């Protein structure tokens, strides 16, 4: 048999290598997004808790929220933003 690669087989091999690089780049972006979300959500909830506490100090009728409530509120807002972003079409 002929061990030399034909131009078509060489082209297919190069195409597979490019596809694999594209998949790796997409996977890196995907995991970077999830990692940043997992690291920034607790900090965002903590800042929200501080803001709600400051508002409670200024206006006593405004209820103060603990960290758990702020975290759930943050996750709910992030989920709503993700959900609405899925329905937007990018051009």
PDB file of N, CA and C in Angstrom:
ATOM      1  N   UNK A   1       0.827  -1.187   0.000  1.00  0.00           N
ATOM      2  CA  UNK A   1       0.000   0.000   0.000  1.00  0.00           C
ATOM      3  C   UNK A   1       0.870   1.250   0.000  1.00  0.00           C
ATOM      4  N   UNK A   2       0.302   2.284  -0.458  1.00  0.00           N
ATOM      5  CA  UNK A   2       0.990   3.561  -0.528  1.00  0.00           C
ATOM      6  C   UNK A   2       0.827   4.285   0.811  1.00  0.00           C
ATOM      7  N   UNK A   3       1.936   4.581   1.508  1.00  0.00           N
ATOM      8  CA  UNK A   3       1.873   5.230   2.814  1.00  0.00           C
ATOM      9  C   UNK A   3       1.809   6.748   2.711  1.00  0.00           C
ATOM     10  N   UNK A   4       2.010   7.265   1.525  1.00  0.00           N
ATOM     11  CA  UNK A   4       1.963   8.706   1.370  1.00  0.00           C
ATOM     12  C   UNK A   4       0.513   9.179   1.471  1.00  0.00           C
ATOM     13  N   UNK A   5       0.342  10.344   2.084  1.00  0.00           N
ATOM     14  CA  UNK A   5      -0.995  10.903   2.202  1.00  0.00           C
ATOM     15  C   UNK A   5      -1.373  11.603   0.904  1.00  0.00           C
ATOM     16  N   UNK A   6      -2.544  11.335   0.449  1.00  0.00           N
ATOM     17  CA  UNK A   6      -3.039  12.036  -0.732  1.00  0.00           C
ATOM     18  C   UNK A   6      -3.396  13.457  -0.313  1.00  0.00           C
ATOM     19  N   UNK A   7      -3.503  14.359  -1.252  1.00  0.00           N
ATOM     20  CA  UNK A   7      -3.852  15.737  -0.893  1.00  0.00           C
ATOM     21  C   UNK A   7      -5.183  15.820  -0.121  1.00  0.00           C
ATOM     22  N   UNK A   8      -6.148  14.988  -0.501  1.00  0.00           N
ATOM     23  CA  UNK A   8      -7.435  15.008   0.199  1.00  0.00           C
ATOM     24  C   UNK A   8      -7.276  14.544   1.645  1.00  0.00           C
ATOM     25  N   UNK A   9      -6.546  13.446   1.858  1.00  0.00           N
ATOM     26  CA  UNK A   9      -6.359  12.935   3.219  1.00  0.00           C
ATOM     27  C   UNK A   9      -5.540  13.914   4.055  1.00  0.00           C
ATOM     28  N   UNK A  10      -4.561  14.560   3.455  1.00  0.00           N
ATOM     29  CA  UNK A  10      -3.773  15.557   4.167  1.00  0.00           C
ATOM     30  C   UNK A  10      -4.658  16.738   4.579  1.00  0.00           C
ATOM     31  N   UNK A  11      -5.512  17.165   3.655  1.00  0.00           N
ATOM     32  CA  UNK A  11      -6.430  18.263   3.952  1.00  0.00           C
ATOM     33  C   UNK A  11      -7.370  17.885   5.096  1.00  0.00           C
ATOM     34  N   UNK A  12      -7.899  16.666   5.082  1.00  0.00           N
ATOM     35  CA  UNK A  12      -8.808  16.203   6.138  1.00  0.00           C
ATOM     36  C   UNK A  12      -8.083  16.134   7.480  1.00  0.00           C
ATOM     37  N   UNK A  13      -6.838  15.708   7.482  1.00  0.00           N
ATOM     38  CA  UNK A  13      -6.071  15.609   8.712  1.00  0.00           C
ATOM     39  C   UNK A  13      -5.831  17.008   9.297  1.00  0.00           C
ATOM     40  N   UNK A  14      -5.508  17.971   8.451  1.00  0.00           N
ATOM     41  CA  UNK A  14      -5.314  19.343   8.909  1.00  0.00           C
ATOM     42  C   UNK A  14      -6.616  19.938   9.427  1.00  0.00           C
ATOM     43  N   UNK A  15      -7.713  19.616   8.739  1.00  0.00           N
ATOM     44  CA  UNK A  15      -9.024  20.116   9.155  1.00  0.00           C
ATOM     45  C   UNK A  15      -9.388  19.567  10.533  1.00  0.00           C
ATOM     46  N   UNK A  16      -9.127  18.273  10.778  1.00  0.00           N
ATOM     47  CA  UNK A  16      -9.406  17.675  12.086  1.00  0.00           C
ATOM     48  C   UNK A  16      -8.592  18.348  13.179  1.00  0.00           C
ATOM     49  N   UNK A  17      -7.342  18.678  12.889  1.00  0.00           N
ATOM     50  CA  UNK A  17      -6.492  19.353  13.872  1.00  0.00           C
ATOM     51  C   UNK A  17      -7.038  20.745  14.185  1.00  0.00           C
ATOM     52  N   UNK A  18      -7.509  21.468  13.161  1.00  0.00           N
ATOM     53  CA  UNK A  18      -8.097  22.787  13.379  1.00  0.00           C
ATOM     54  C   UNK A  18      -9.384  22.681  14.178  1.00  0.00           C
ATOM     55  N   UNK A  19     -10.216  21.680  13.869  1.00  0.00           N
ATOM     56  CA  UNK A  19     -11.462  21.490  14.614  1.00  0.00           C
ATOM     57  C   UNK A  19     -11.184  21.197  16.075  1.00  0.00           C
ATOM     58  N   UNK A  20     -10.148  20.413  16.327  1.00  0.00           N
ATOM     59  CA  UNK A  20      -9.814  20.086  17.713  1.00  0.00           C
ATOM     60  C   UNK A  20      -9.360  21.332  18.471  1.00  0.00           C
ATOM     61  N   UNK A  21      -8.586  22.199  17.811  1.00  0.00           N
ATOM     62  CA  UNK A  21      -8.153  23.441  18.449  1.00  0.00           C
ATOM     63  C   UNK A  21      -9.341  24.339  18.746  1.00  0.00           C
ATOM     64  N   UNK A  22     -10.309  24.393  17.813  1.00  0.00           N
ATOM     65  CA  UNK A  22     -11.513  25.189  18.040  1.00  0.00           C
ATOM     66  C   UNK A  22     -12.312  24.648  19.219  1.00  0.00           C
ATOM     67  N   UNK A  23     -12.435  23.344  19.319  1.00  0.00           N
ATOM     68  CA  UNK A  23     -13.156  22.751  20.446  1.00  0.00           C
ATOM     69  C   UNK A  23     -12.462  23.052  21.766  1.00  0.00           C
ATOM     70  N   UNK A  24     -11.144  22.983  21.778  1.00  0.00           N
ATOM     71  CA  UNK A  24     -10.402  23.292  22.992  1.00  0.00           C
ATOM     72  C   UNK A  24     -10.610  24.744  23.403  1.00  0.00           C
ATOM     73  N   UNK A  25     -10.628  25.654  22.439  1.00  0.00           N
ATOM     74  CA  UNK A  25     -10.835  27.068  22.752  1.00  0.00           C
ATOM     75  C   UNK A  25     -12.238  27.298  23.319  1.00  0.00           C
ATOM     76  N   UNK A  26     -13.233  26.659  22.739  1.00  0.00           N
ATOM     77  CA  UNK A  26     -14.603  26.786  23.245  1.00  0.00           C
ATOM     78  C   UNK A  26     -14.697  26.216  24.654  1.00  0.00           C
ATOM     79  N   UNK A  27     -14.076  25.076  24.897  1.00  0.00           N
ATOM     80  CA  UNK A  27     -14.106  24.466  26.226  1.00  0.00           C
ATOM     81  C   UNK A  27     -13.416  25.364  27.249  1.00  0.00           C
ATOM     82  N   UNK A  28     -12.296  25.994  26.873  1.00  0.00           N
ATOM     83  CA  UNK A  28     -11.611  26.900  27.798  1.00  0.00           C
ATOM     84  C   UNK A  28     -12.489  28.097  28.150  1.00  0.00           C
ATOM     85  N   UNK A  29     -13.162  28.685  27.134  1.00  0.00           N
ATOM     86  CA  UNK A  29     -14.047  29.814  27.405  1.00  0.00           C
ATOM     87  C   UNK A  29     -15.216  29.395  28.289  1.00  0.00           C
ATOM     88  N   UNK A  30     -15.760  28.207  28.049  1.00  0.00           N
ATOM     89  CA  UNK A  30     -16.886  27.692  28.827  1.00  0.00           C
ATOM     90  C   UNK A  30     -16.495  27.536  30.295  1.00  0.00           C
ATOM     91  N   UNK A  31     -15.368  26.878  30.546  1.00  0.00           N
ATOM     92  CA  UNK A  31     -14.950  26.647  31.928  1.00  0.00           C
ATOM     93  C   UNK A  31     -14.487  27.928  32.600  1.00  0.00           C
ATOM     94  N   UNK A  32     -13.912  28.849  31.864  1.00  0.00           N
ATOM     95  CA  UNK A  32     -13.512  30.132  32.446  1.00  0.00           C
ATOM     96  C   UNK A  32     -14.745  30.918  32.886  1.00  0.00           C
ATOM     97  N   UNK A  33     -15.803  30.854  32.105  1.00  0.00           N
ATOM     98  CA  UNK A  33     -17.052  31.527  32.473  1.00  0.00           C
ATOM     99  C   UNK A  33     -17.646  30.950  33.742  1.00  0.00           C
ATOM    100  N   UNK A  34     -17.691  29.630  33.834  1.00  0.00           N
ATOM    101  CA  UNK A  34     -18.253  28.998  35.031  1.00  0.00           C
ATOM    102  C   UNK A  34     -17.377  29.259  36.244  1.00  0.00           C
ATOM    103  N   UNK A  35     -16.074  29.242  36.073  1.00  0.00           N
ATOM    104  CA  UNK A  35     -15.175  29.489  37.196  1.00  0.00           C
ATOM    105  C   UNK A  35     -15.312  30.920  37.697  1.00  0.00           C
ATOM    106  N   UNK A  36     -15.387  31.875  36.783  1.00  0.00           N
ATOM    107  CA  UNK A  36     -15.551  33.268  37.208  1.00  0.00           C
ATOM    108  C   UNK A  36     -16.908  33.468  37.879  1.00  0.00           C
ATOM    109  N   UNK A  37     -17.949  32.804  37.383  1.00  0.00           N
ATOM    110  CA  UNK A  37     -19.266  32.899  38.018  1.00  0.00           C
ATOM    111  C   UNK A  37     -19.227  32.335  39.430  1.00  0.00           C
ATOM    112  N   UNK A  38     -18.574  31.193  39.599  1.00  0.00           N
ATOM    113  CA  UNK A  38     -18.510  30.554  40.911  1.00  0.00           C
ATOM    114  C   UNK A  38     -17.679  31.367  41.899  1.00  0.00           C
ATOM    115  N   UNK A  39     -16.691  32.100  41.413  1.00  0.00           N
ATOM    116  CA  UNK A  39     -15.852  32.878  42.313  1.00  0.00           C
ATOM    117  C   UNK A  39     -16.428  34.258  42.592  1.00  0.00           C
ATOM    118  N   UNK A  40     -17.142  34.840  41.640  1.00  0.00           N
ATOM    119  CA  UNK A  40     -17.641  36.199  41.818  1.00  0.00           C
ATOM    120  C   UNK A  40     -19.021  36.263  42.462  1.00  0.00           C
ATOM    121  N   UNK A  41     -19.816  35.220  42.370  1.00  0.00           N
ATOM    122  CA  UNK A  41     -21.155  35.245  42.953  1.00  0.00           C
ATOM    123  C   UNK A  41     -21.141  35.450  44.465  1.00  0.00           C
ATOM    124  N   UNK A  42     -20.311  34.758  45.236  1.00  0.00           N
ATOM    125  CA  UNK A  42     -20.297  35.035  46.683  1.00  0.00           C
ATOM    126  C   UNK A  42     -19.877  36.471  47.009  1.00  0.00           C
ATOM    127  N   UNK A  43     -18.924  37.009  46.283  1.00  0.00           N
ATOM    128  CA  UNK A  43     -18.493  38.393  46.522  1.00  0.00           C
ATOM    129  C   UNK A  43     -19.609  39.366  46.157  1.00  0.00           C
ATOM    130  N   UNK A  44     -20.300  39.096  45.071  1.00  0.00           N
ATOM    131  CA  UNK A  44     -21.413  39.941  44.661  1.00  0.00           C
ATOM    132  C   UNK A  44     -22.532  39.899  45.699  1.00  0.00           C
ATOM    133  N   UNK A  45     -22.809  38.714  46.246  1.00  0.00           N
ATOM    134  CA  UNK A  45     -23.841  38.580  47.275  1.00  0.00           C
ATOM    135  C   UNK A  45     -23.427  39.306  48.549  1.00  0.00           C
ATOM    136  N   UNK A  46     -22.151  39.250  48.904  1.00  0.00           N
ATOM    137  CA  UNK A  46     -21.677  39.938  50.100  1.00  0.00           C
ATOM    138  C   UNK A  46     -21.835  41.449  49.949  1.00  0.00           C
ATOM    139  N   UNK A  47     -21.472  41.971  48.760  1.00  0.00           N
ATOM    140  CA  UNK A  47     -21.643  43.410  48.517  1.00  0.00           C
ATOM    141  C   UNK A  47     -23.115  43.805  48.528  1.00  0.00           C
ATOM    142  N   UNK A  48     -23.982  42.956  47.978  1.00  0.00           N
ATOM    143  CA  UNK A  48     -25.413  43.232  48.004  1.00  0.00           C
ATOM    144  C   UNK A  48     -25.919  43.264  49.441  1.00  0.00           C
ATOM    145  N   UNK A  49     -25.447  42.345  50.271  1.00  0.00           N
ATOM    146  CA  UNK A  49     -25.834  42.320  51.674  1.00  0.00           C
ATOM    147  C   UNK A  49     -25.412  43.616  52.365  1.00  0.00           C
ATOM    148  N   UNK A  50     -24.205  44.102  52.068  1.00  0.00           N
ATOM    149  CA  UNK A  50     -23.748  45.362  52.667  1.00  0.00           C
ATOM    150  C   UNK A  50     -24.596  46.541  52.209  1.00  0.00           C
ATOM    151  N   UNK A  51     -24.938  46.561  50.937  1.00  0.00           N
ATOM    152  CA  UNK A  51     -25.769  47.652  50.410  1.00  0.00           C
ATOM    153  C   UNK A  51     -27.151  47.620  51.048  1.00  0.00           C
ATOM    154  N   UNK A  52     -27.740  46.430  51.150  1.00  0.00           N
ATOM    155  CA  UNK A  52     -29.051  46.325  51.783  1.00  0.00           C
ATOM    156  C   UNK A  52     -28.992  46.719  53.253  1.00  0.00           C
ATOM    157  N   UNK A  53     -27.893  46.380  53.932  1.00  0.00           N
ATOM    158  CA  UNK A  53     -27.718  46.800  55.321  1.00  0.00           C
ATOM    159  C   UNK A  53     -27.587  48.308  55.446  1.00  0.00           C
ATOM    160  N   UNK A  54     -26.884  48.940  54.524  1.00  0.00           N
ATOM    161  CA  UNK A  54     -26.750  50.398  54.548  1.00  0.00           C
ATOM    162  C   UNK A  54     -28.087  51.061  54.283  1.00  0.00           C
ATOM    163  N   UNK A  55     -28.851  50.506  53.342  1.00  0.00           N
ATOM    164  CA  UNK A  55     -30.187  51.061  53.092  1.00  0.00           C
ATOM    165  C   UNK A  55     -31.079  50.894  54.317  1.00  0.00           C
ATOM    166  N   UNK A  56     -30.937  49.784  55.020  1.00  0.00           N
ATOM    167  CA  UNK A  56     -31.701  49.557  56.235  1.00  0.00           C
ATOM    168  C   UNK A  56     -31.301  50.563  57.318  1.00  0.00           C
ATOM    169  N   UNK A  57     -30.046  50.947  57.353  1.00  0.00           N
ATOM    170  CA  UNK A  57     -29.588  51.950  58.311  1.00  0.00           C
ATOM    171  C   UNK A  57     -30.137  53.333  57.995  1.00  0.00           C
ATOM    172  N   UNK A  58     -30.294  53.639  56.713  1.00  0.00           N
ATOM    173  CA  UNK A  58     -30.821  54.942  56.315  1.00  0.00           C
ATOM    174  C   UNK A  58     -32.336  55.010  56.451  1.00  0.00           C
ATOM    175  N   UNK A  59     -33.006  53.954  56.024  1.00  0.00           N
ATOM    176  CA  UNK A  59     -34.467  53.894  56.051  1.00  0.00           C
ATOM    177  C   UNK A  59     -34.850  52.634  56.822  1.00  0.00           C
ATOM    178  N   UNK A  60     -35.232  52.773  58.090  1.00  0.00           N
ATOM    179  CA  UNK A  60     -35.502  51.579  58.897  1.00  0.00           C
ATOM    180  C   UNK A  60     -36.649  50.716  58.363  1.00  0.00           C
ATOM    181  N   UNK A  61     -37.508  51.289  57.557  1.00  0.00           N
ATOM    182  CA  UNK A  61     -38.606  50.494  57.002  1.00  0.00           C
ATOM    183  C   UNK A  61     -38.104  49.504  55.949  1.00  0.00           C
ATOM    184  N   UNK A  62     -36.919  49.757  55.422  1.00  0.00           N
ATOM    185  CA  UNK A  62     -36.333  48.863  54.419  1.00  0.00           C
ATOM    186  C   UNK A  62     -35.764  47.645  55.143  1.00  0.00           C
ATOM    187  N   UNK A  63     -36.186  46.432  54.763  1.00  0.00           N
ATOM    188  CA  UNK A  63     -35.725  45.257  55.511  1.00  0.00           C
ATOM    189  C   UNK A  63     -34.253  44.928  55.231  1.00  0.00           C
ATOM    190  N   UNK A  64     -33.570  44.511  56.283  1.00  0.00           N
ATOM    191  CA  UNK A  64     -32.180  44.066  56.135  1.00  0.00           C
ATOM    192  C   UNK A  64     -32.193  42.603  55.682  1.00  0.00           C
ATOM    193  N   UNK A  65     -31.196  42.211  54.905  1.00  0.00           N
ATOM    194  CA  UNK A  65     -31.118  40.837  54.413  1.00  0.00           C
ATOM    195  C   UNK A  65     -29.793  40.234  54.839  1.00  0.00           C
ATOM    196  N   UNK A  66     -29.822  38.971  55.170  1.00  0.00           N
ATOM    197  CA  UNK A  66     -28.603  38.262  55.526  1.00  0.00           C
ATOM    198  C   UNK A  66     -27.869  37.791  54.287  1.00  0.00           C
ATOM    199  N   UNK A  67     -26.762  37.088  54.510  1.00  0.00           N
ATOM    200  CA  UNK A  67     -25.935  36.624  53.393  1.00  0.00           C
ATOM    201  C   UNK A  67     -26.678  35.592  52.543  1.00  0.00           C
ATOM    202  N   UNK A  68     -27.397  34.670  53.184  1.00  0.00           N
ATOM    203  CA  UNK A  68     -28.122  33.641  52.434  1.00  0.00           C
ATOM    204  C   UNK A  68     -29.179  34.238  51.519  1.00  0.00           C
ATOM    205  N   UNK A  69     -29.908  35.209  52.027  1.00  0.00           N
ATOM    206  CA  UNK A  69     -30.921  35.876  51.216  1.00  0.00           C
ATOM    207  C   UNK A  69     -30.278  36.635  50.058  1.00  0.00           C
ATOM    208  N   UNK A  70     -29.188  37.313  50.351  1.00  0.00           N
ATOM    209  CA  UNK A  70     -28.493  38.056  49.293  1.00  0.00           C
ATOM    210  C   UNK A  70     -27.933  37.112  48.238  1.00  0.00           C
ATOM    211  N   UNK A  71     -27.429  35.964  48.677  1.00  0.00           N
ATOM    212  CA  UNK A  71     -26.900  34.993  47.718  1.00  0.00           C
ATOM    213  C   UNK A  71     -28.013  34.447  46.831  1.00  0.00           C
ATOM    214  N   UNK A  72     -29.149  34.107  47.427  1.00  0.00           N
ATOM    215  CA  UNK A  72     -30.276  33.615  46.619  1.00  0.00           C
ATOM    216  C   UNK A  72     -30.794  34.692  45.673  1.00  0.00           C
ATOM    217  N   UNK A  73     -30.839  35.926  46.120  1.00  0.00           N
ATOM    218  CA  UNK A  73     -31.273  37.023  45.254  1.00  0.00           C
ATOM    219  C   UNK A  73     -30.304  37.215  44.091  1.00  0.00           C
ATOM    220  N   UNK A  74     -29.007  37.138  44.386  1.00  0.00           N
ATOM    221  CA  UNK A  74     -27.985  37.266  43.339  1.00  0.00           C
ATOM    222  C   UNK A  74     -28.103  36.137  42.316  1.00  0.00           C
ATOM    223  N   UNK A  75     -28.255  34.912  42.800  1.00  0.00           N
ATOM    224  CA  UNK A  75     -28.399  33.784  41.879  1.00  0.00           C
ATOM    225  C   UNK A  75     -29.666  33.901  41.050  1.00  0.00           C
ATOM    226  N   UNK A  76     -30.751  34.391  41.652  1.00  0.00           N
ATOM    227  CA  UNK A  76     -31.993  34.583  40.906  1.00  0.00           C
ATOM    228  C   UNK A  76     -31.857  35.628  39.815  1.00  0.00           C
ATOM    229  N   UNK A  77     -31.185  36.733  40.138  1.00  0.00           N
ATOM    230  CA  UNK A  77     -30.984  37.784  39.127  1.00  0.00           C
ATOM    231  C   UNK A  77     -30.076  37.276  38.009  1.00  0.00           C
ATOM    232  N   UNK A  78     -29.018  36.548  38.364  1.00  0.00           N
ATOM    233  CA  UNK A  78     -28.122  35.987  37.344  1.00  0.00           C
ATOM    234  C   UNK A  78     -28.851  34.973  36.462  1.00  0.00           C
ATOM    235  N   UNK A  79     -29.714  34.170  37.071  1.00  0.00           N
ATOM    236  CA  UNK A  79     -30.488  33.201  36.288  1.00  0.00           C
ATOM    237  C   UNK A  79     -31.442  33.909  35.337  1.00  0.00           C
ATOM    238  N   UNK A  80     -32.098  34.958  35.818  1.00  0.00           N
ATOM    239  CA  UNK A  80     -33.010  35.714  34.952  1.00  0.00           C
ATOM    240  C   UNK A  80     -32.248  36.375  33.804  1.00  0.00           C
ATOM    241  N   UNK A  81     -31.060  36.901  34.084  1.00  0.00           N
ATOM    242  CA  UNK A  81     -30.254  37.523  33.020  1.00  0.00           C
ATOM    243  C   UNK A  81     -29.828  36.488  31.995  1.00  0.00           C
ATOM    244  N   UNK A  82     -29.426  35.304  32.469  1.00  0.00           N
ATOM    245  CA  UNK A  82     -29.029  34.242  31.531  1.00  0.00           C
ATOM    246  C   UNK A  82     -30.217  33.794  30.698  1.00  0.00           C
ATOM    247  N   UNK A  83     -31.375  33.665  31.342  1.00  0.00           N
ATOM    248  CA  UNK A  83     -32.568  33.181  30.647  1.00  0.00           C
ATOM    249  C   UNK A  83     -33.007  34.166  29.570  1.00  0.00           C
ATOM    250  N   UNK A  84     -33.008  35.465  29.871  1.00  0.00           N
ATOM    251  CA  UNK A  84     -33.401  36.447  28.862  1.00  0.00           C
ATOM    252  C   UNK A  84     -32.350  36.556  27.763  1.00  0.00           C
ATOM    253  N   UNK A  85     -31.090  36.328  28.097  1.00  0.00           N
ATOM    254  CA  UNK A  85     -30.029  36.378  27.086  1.00  0.00           C
ATOM    255  C   UNK A  85     -30.139  35.256  26.083  1.00  0.00           C
ATOM    256  N   UNK A  86     -30.733  34.147  26.481  1.00  0.00           N
ATOM    257  CA  UNK A  86     -30.899  33.020  25.543  1.00  0.00           C
ATOM    258  C   UNK A  86     -31.884  33.356  24.430  1.00  0.00           C
ATOM    259  N   UNK A  87     -32.844  34.241  24.723  1.00  0.00           N
ATOM    260  CA  UNK A  87     -33.877  34.559  23.732  1.00  0.00           C
ATOM    261  C   UNK A  87     -33.490  35.686  22.802  1.00  0.00           C
ATOM    262  N   UNK A  88     -32.411  36.420  23.138  1.00  0.00           N
ATOM    263  CA  UNK A  88     -31.947  37.468  22.260  1.00  0.00           C
ATOM    264  C   UNK A  88     -31.186  36.864  21.104  1.00  0.00           C
ATOM    265  N   UNK A  89     -31.408  37.376  19.936  1.00  0.00           N
ATOM    266  CA  UNK A  89     -30.667  36.883  18.770  1.00  0.00           C
ATOM    267  C   UNK A  89     -29.518  37.829  18.470  1.00  0.00           C
ATOM    268  N   UNK A  90     -28.352  37.271  18.332  1.00  0.00           N
ATOM    269  CA  UNK A  90     -27.209  38.095  17.976  1.00  0.00           C
ATOM    270  C   UNK A  90     -27.034  38.099  16.467  1.00  0.00           C
ATOM    271  N   UNK A  91     -26.663  39.243  15.951  1.00  0.00           N
ATOM    272  CA  UNK A  91     -26.507  39.371  14.503  1.00  0.00           C
ATOM    273  C   UNK A  91     -25.094  39.661  14.148  1.00  0.00           C
TER     274      UNK A  91
END
